[in-house]
Amino acid sequence: MFAWQSFQVAPFICYDLRFPELFRASARRGAQLFAVIANWPLTRAQHWITLLQARAIENQAYVAGVNRCGRDPKLGYNGRSLIISPQGDILADAEDKECVISAELDLAGLLAWREKFPALQDMRPDFGQW
């Protein structure tokens, strides 16, 4: 984890999205923004979107998913880089273009949401311990 502006950021790679316990452990350590760098293929594009949103919602954190565009010898990649709010809303969507996206991240709003709906306080400490 590292600090960026006022946020605590946890970096991940695409395959990590399949393991929610990794994100939960980062949330437990104070992560407020997850950065997911990916080579996520077009054939599973809906999984990419759904899993990014799920990680945001269940951890009450922002998620920035950065995916490649183009082709390799076996697969196509549609990009679809996204920035997701802690409530699961898509704040920015690169669609299938190679481009730069941005969104305003509101740390005070994130902390207020966590206080208003304190689900993270109910995490079971006996689950996911390594």
C-alpha atoms as a PDB file:
ATOM      1  CA  MET A   1       0.000   0.000   0.000  1.00  0.00           C
ATOM      2  CA  PHE A   2       1.163   3.558  -0.613  1.00  0.00           C
ATOM      3  CA  ALA A   3      -0.057   7.107  -0.041  1.00  0.00           C
ATOM      4  CA  TRP A   4      -1.224   9.195  -2.997  1.00  0.00           C
ATOM      5  CA  GLN A   5      -2.481  12.681  -2.255  1.00  0.00           C
ATOM      6  CA  SER A   6      -4.716  12.015   0.781  1.00  0.00           C
ATOM      7  CA  PHE A   7      -5.623   8.438  -0.178  1.00  0.00           C
ATOM      8  CA  GLN A   8      -4.219   5.104   0.881  1.00  0.00           C
ATOM      9  CA  VAL A   9      -3.857   3.113  -2.338  1.00  0.00           C
ATOM     10  CA  ALA A  10      -3.598  -0.659  -2.728  1.00  0.00           C
ATOM     11  CA  PRO A  11      -2.266  -1.862  -6.112  1.00  0.00           C
ATOM     12  CA  PHE A  12      -3.453  -5.071  -7.759  1.00  0.00           C
ATOM     13  CA  ILE A  13      -3.208  -6.950 -11.047  1.00  0.00           C
ATOM     14  CA  CYS A  14      -6.131  -8.281 -13.061  1.00  0.00           C
ATOM     15  CA  TYR A  15      -6.146 -11.854 -11.764  1.00  0.00           C
ATOM     16  CA  ASP A  16      -6.406 -10.512  -8.195  1.00  0.00           C
ATOM     17  CA  LEU A  17      -9.996  -9.425  -8.967  1.00  0.00           C
ATOM     18  CA  ARG A  18     -11.010 -13.082  -8.668  1.00  0.00           C
ATOM     19  CA  PHE A  19      -9.919 -13.128  -4.996  1.00  0.00           C
ATOM     20  CA  PRO A  20     -12.021 -10.724  -2.916  1.00  0.00           C
ATOM     21  CA  GLU A  21     -10.135 -11.624   0.261  1.00  0.00           C
ATOM     22  CA  LEU A  22      -7.069  -9.768  -1.061  1.00  0.00           C
ATOM     23  CA  PHE A  23      -9.095  -6.585  -1.363  1.00  0.00           C
ATOM     24  CA  ARG A  24     -10.736  -7.130   2.020  1.00  0.00           C
ATOM     25  CA  ALA A  25      -7.317  -7.516   3.660  1.00  0.00           C
ATOM     26  CA  SER A  26      -6.264  -4.202   2.075  1.00  0.00           C
ATOM     27  CA  ALA A  27      -9.455  -2.509   3.269  1.00  0.00           C
ATOM     28  CA  ARG A  28      -8.739  -3.838   6.753  1.00  0.00           C
ATOM     29  CA  ARG A  29      -5.307  -2.159   6.536  1.00  0.00           C
ATOM     30  CA  GLY A  30      -6.911   1.152   5.536  1.00  0.00           C
ATOM     31  CA  ALA A  31      -7.037   1.173   1.724  1.00  0.00           C
ATOM     32  CA  GLN A  32      -9.435   3.721   0.270  1.00  0.00           C
ATOM     33  CA  LEU A  33      -8.525   3.350  -3.407  1.00  0.00           C
ATOM     34  CA  PHE A  34      -7.737   0.151  -5.290  1.00  0.00           C
ATOM     35  CA  ALA A  35      -5.696   0.431  -8.509  1.00  0.00           C
ATOM     36  CA  VAL A  36      -6.087  -2.610 -10.772  1.00  0.00           C
ATOM     37  CA  ILE A  37      -3.748  -2.885 -13.772  1.00  0.00           C
ATOM     38  CA  ALA A  38      -4.965  -5.452 -16.282  1.00  0.00           C
ATOM     39  CA  ASN A  39      -4.716  -7.458 -19.467  1.00  0.00           C
ATOM     40  CA  TRP A  40      -8.396  -8.408 -19.291  1.00  0.00           C
ATOM     41  CA  PRO A  41      -9.637  -9.994 -22.536  1.00  0.00           C
ATOM     42  CA  LEU A  42     -12.755  -8.973 -24.421  1.00  0.00           C
ATOM     43  CA  THR A  43     -14.205 -12.483 -24.001  1.00  0.00           C
ATOM     44  CA  ARG A  44     -14.671 -11.757 -20.266  1.00  0.00           C
ATOM     45  CA  ALA A  45     -15.405  -8.029 -20.459  1.00  0.00           C
ATOM     46  CA  GLN A  46     -18.567  -8.254 -18.348  1.00  0.00           C
ATOM     47  CA  HIS A  47     -16.638 -10.016 -15.580  1.00  0.00           C
ATOM     48  CA  TRP A  48     -14.170  -7.095 -15.559  1.00  0.00           C
ATOM     49  CA  ILE A  49     -16.926  -4.543 -15.007  1.00  0.00           C
ATOM     50  CA  THR A  50     -18.864  -6.607 -12.479  1.00  0.00           C
ATOM     51  CA  LEU A  51     -15.837  -7.550 -10.393  1.00  0.00           C
ATOM     52  CA  LEU A  52     -14.511  -3.976 -10.278  1.00  0.00           C
ATOM     53  CA  GLN A  53     -17.915  -2.787  -9.074  1.00  0.00           C
ATOM     54  CA  ALA A  54     -18.155  -5.607  -6.528  1.00  0.00           C
ATOM     55  CA  ARG A  55     -14.727  -4.810  -5.054  1.00  0.00           C
ATOM     56  CA  ALA A  56     -15.752  -1.141  -4.714  1.00  0.00           C
ATOM     57  CA  ILE A  57     -19.114  -1.890  -3.091  1.00  0.00           C
ATOM     58  CA  GLU A  58     -18.005  -4.589  -0.674  1.00  0.00           C
ATOM     59  CA  ASN A  59     -14.984  -2.587   0.528  1.00  0.00           C
ATOM     60  CA  GLN A  60     -16.518   0.886   0.375  1.00  0.00           C
ATOM     61  CA  ALA A  61     -13.553   2.094  -1.671  1.00  0.00           C
ATOM     62  CA  TYR A  62     -12.825   3.748  -4.988  1.00  0.00           C
ATOM     63  CA  VAL A  63     -11.539   1.434  -7.716  1.00  0.00           C
ATOM     64  CA  ALA A  64      -9.503   2.485 -10.748  1.00  0.00           C
ATOM     65  CA  GLY A  65      -9.321  -0.336 -13.287  1.00  0.00           C
ATOM     66  CA  VAL A  66      -6.824   0.197 -16.109  1.00  0.00           C
ATOM     67  CA  ASN A  67      -7.072  -2.285 -18.971  1.00  0.00           C
ATOM     68  CA  ARG A  68      -5.210  -2.599 -22.233  1.00  0.00           C
ATOM     69  CA  CYS A  69      -6.565  -2.190 -25.749  1.00  0.00           C
ATOM     70  CA  GLY A  70      -5.592  -4.098 -28.850  1.00  0.00           C
ATOM     71  CA  ARG A  71      -4.739  -7.695 -29.692  1.00  0.00           C
ATOM     72  CA  ASP A  72      -2.085 -10.274 -29.011  1.00  0.00           C
ATOM     73  CA  PRO A  73      -1.737 -13.483 -31.047  1.00  0.00           C
ATOM     74  CA  LYS A  74      -4.565 -15.182 -29.119  1.00  0.00           C
ATOM     75  CA  LEU A  75      -6.906 -12.567 -27.618  1.00  0.00           C
ATOM     76  CA  GLY A  76      -8.471  -9.170 -28.138  1.00  0.00           C
ATOM     77  CA  TYR A  77      -8.629  -6.507 -25.419  1.00  0.00           C
ATOM     78  CA  ASN A  78     -11.282  -3.810 -25.470  1.00  0.00           C
ATOM     79  CA  GLY A  79      -9.844  -1.503 -22.837  1.00  0.00           C
ATOM     80  CA  ARG A  80     -12.851  -0.454 -20.806  1.00  0.00           C
ATOM     81  CA  SER A  81     -10.739   1.266 -18.157  1.00  0.00           C
ATOM     82  CA  LEU A  82     -13.062   2.432 -15.388  1.00  0.00           C
ATOM     83  CA  ILE A  83     -13.168   4.499 -12.244  1.00  0.00           C
ATOM     84  CA  ILE A  84     -15.779   3.229  -9.786  1.00  0.00           C
ATOM     85  CA  SER A  85     -17.215   4.962  -6.711  1.00  0.00           C
ATOM     86  CA  PRO A  86     -17.485   3.299  -3.272  1.00  0.00           C
ATOM     87  CA  GLN A  87     -21.194   2.771  -4.027  1.00  0.00           C
ATOM     88  CA  GLY A  88     -20.384   0.965  -7.289  1.00  0.00           C
ATOM     89  CA  ASP A  89     -21.234   3.796  -9.676  1.00  0.00           C
ATOM     90  CA  ILE A  90     -19.127   4.188 -12.818  1.00  0.00           C
ATOM     91  CA  LEU A  91     -17.566   7.660 -12.589  1.00  0.00           C
ATOM     92  CA  ALA A  92     -15.440   7.421 -15.744  1.00  0.00           C
ATOM     93  CA  ASP A  93     -15.395   4.915 -18.599  1.00  0.00           C
ATOM     94  CA  ALA A  94     -12.809   4.758 -21.398  1.00  0.00           C
ATOM     95  CA  GLU A  95     -15.138   2.446 -23.317  1.00  0.00           C
ATOM     96  CA  ASP A  96     -13.194   0.704 -26.086  1.00  0.00           C
ATOM     97  CA  LYS A  97     -10.842   3.609 -26.762  1.00  0.00           C
ATOM     98  CA  GLU A  98      -7.223   4.240 -25.971  1.00  0.00           C
ATOM     99  CA  CYS A  99      -7.525   7.419 -23.912  1.00  0.00           C
ATOM    100  CA  VAL A 100      -7.048   9.087 -20.551  1.00  0.00           C
ATOM    101  CA  ILE A 101      -9.943   9.137 -18.093  1.00  0.00           C
ATOM    102  CA  SER A 102     -10.283  10.968 -14.809  1.00  0.00           C
ATOM    103  CA  ALA A 103     -12.781  11.506 -12.030  1.00  0.00           C
ATOM    104  CA  GLU A 104     -13.001  13.605  -8.904  1.00  0.00           C
ATOM    105  CA  LEU A 105     -12.321  11.397  -5.874  1.00  0.00           C
ATOM    106  CA  ASP A 106     -13.841  12.689  -2.656  1.00  0.00           C
ATOM    107  CA  LEU A 107     -12.075  11.324   0.425  1.00  0.00           C
ATOM    108  CA  ALA A 108     -14.379  13.197   2.815  1.00  0.00           C
ATOM    109  CA  GLY A 109     -17.382  11.725   0.991  1.00  0.00           C
ATOM    110  CA  LEU A 110     -15.885   8.230   1.161  1.00  0.00           C
ATOM    111  CA  LEU A 111     -15.281   8.561   4.911  1.00  0.00           C
ATOM    112  CA  ALA A 112     -18.804   9.938   5.414  1.00  0.00           C
ATOM    113  CA  TRP A 113     -20.242   6.963   3.482  1.00  0.00           C
ATOM    114  CA  ARG A 114     -18.260   4.541   5.654  1.00  0.00           C
ATOM    115  CA  GLU A 115     -19.582   6.303   8.757  1.00  0.00           C
ATOM    116  CA  LYS A 116     -23.187   6.414   7.513  1.00  0.00           C
ATOM    117  CA  PHE A 117     -23.107   2.734   6.480  1.00  0.00           C
ATOM    118  CA  PRO A 118     -20.436   1.170   8.747  1.00  0.00           C
ATOM    119  CA  ALA A 119     -20.388  -2.290   7.166  1.00  0.00           C
ATOM    120  CA  LEU A 120     -16.590  -2.531   7.334  1.00  0.00           C
ATOM    121  CA  GLN A 121     -16.809  -2.453  11.121  1.00  0.00           C
ATOM    122  CA  ASP A 122     -18.567  -5.830  10.965  1.00  0.00           C
ATOM    123  CA  MET A 123     -15.703  -7.629   9.213  1.00  0.00           C
ATOM    124  CA  ARG A 124     -14.996 -10.979  10.804  1.00  0.00           C
ATOM    125  CA  PRO A 125     -11.376 -10.847  12.006  1.00  0.00           C
ATOM    126  CA  ASP A 126     -11.206 -14.647  12.054  1.00  0.00           C
ATOM    127  CA  PHE A 127     -11.792 -14.838   8.276  1.00  0.00           C
ATOM    128  CA  GLY A 128      -9.002 -14.215   5.814  1.00  0.00           C
ATOM    129  CA  GLN A 129      -6.133 -14.119   8.291  1.00  0.00           C
ATOM    130  CA  TRP A 130      -2.788 -15.060   6.795  1.00  0.00           C
END
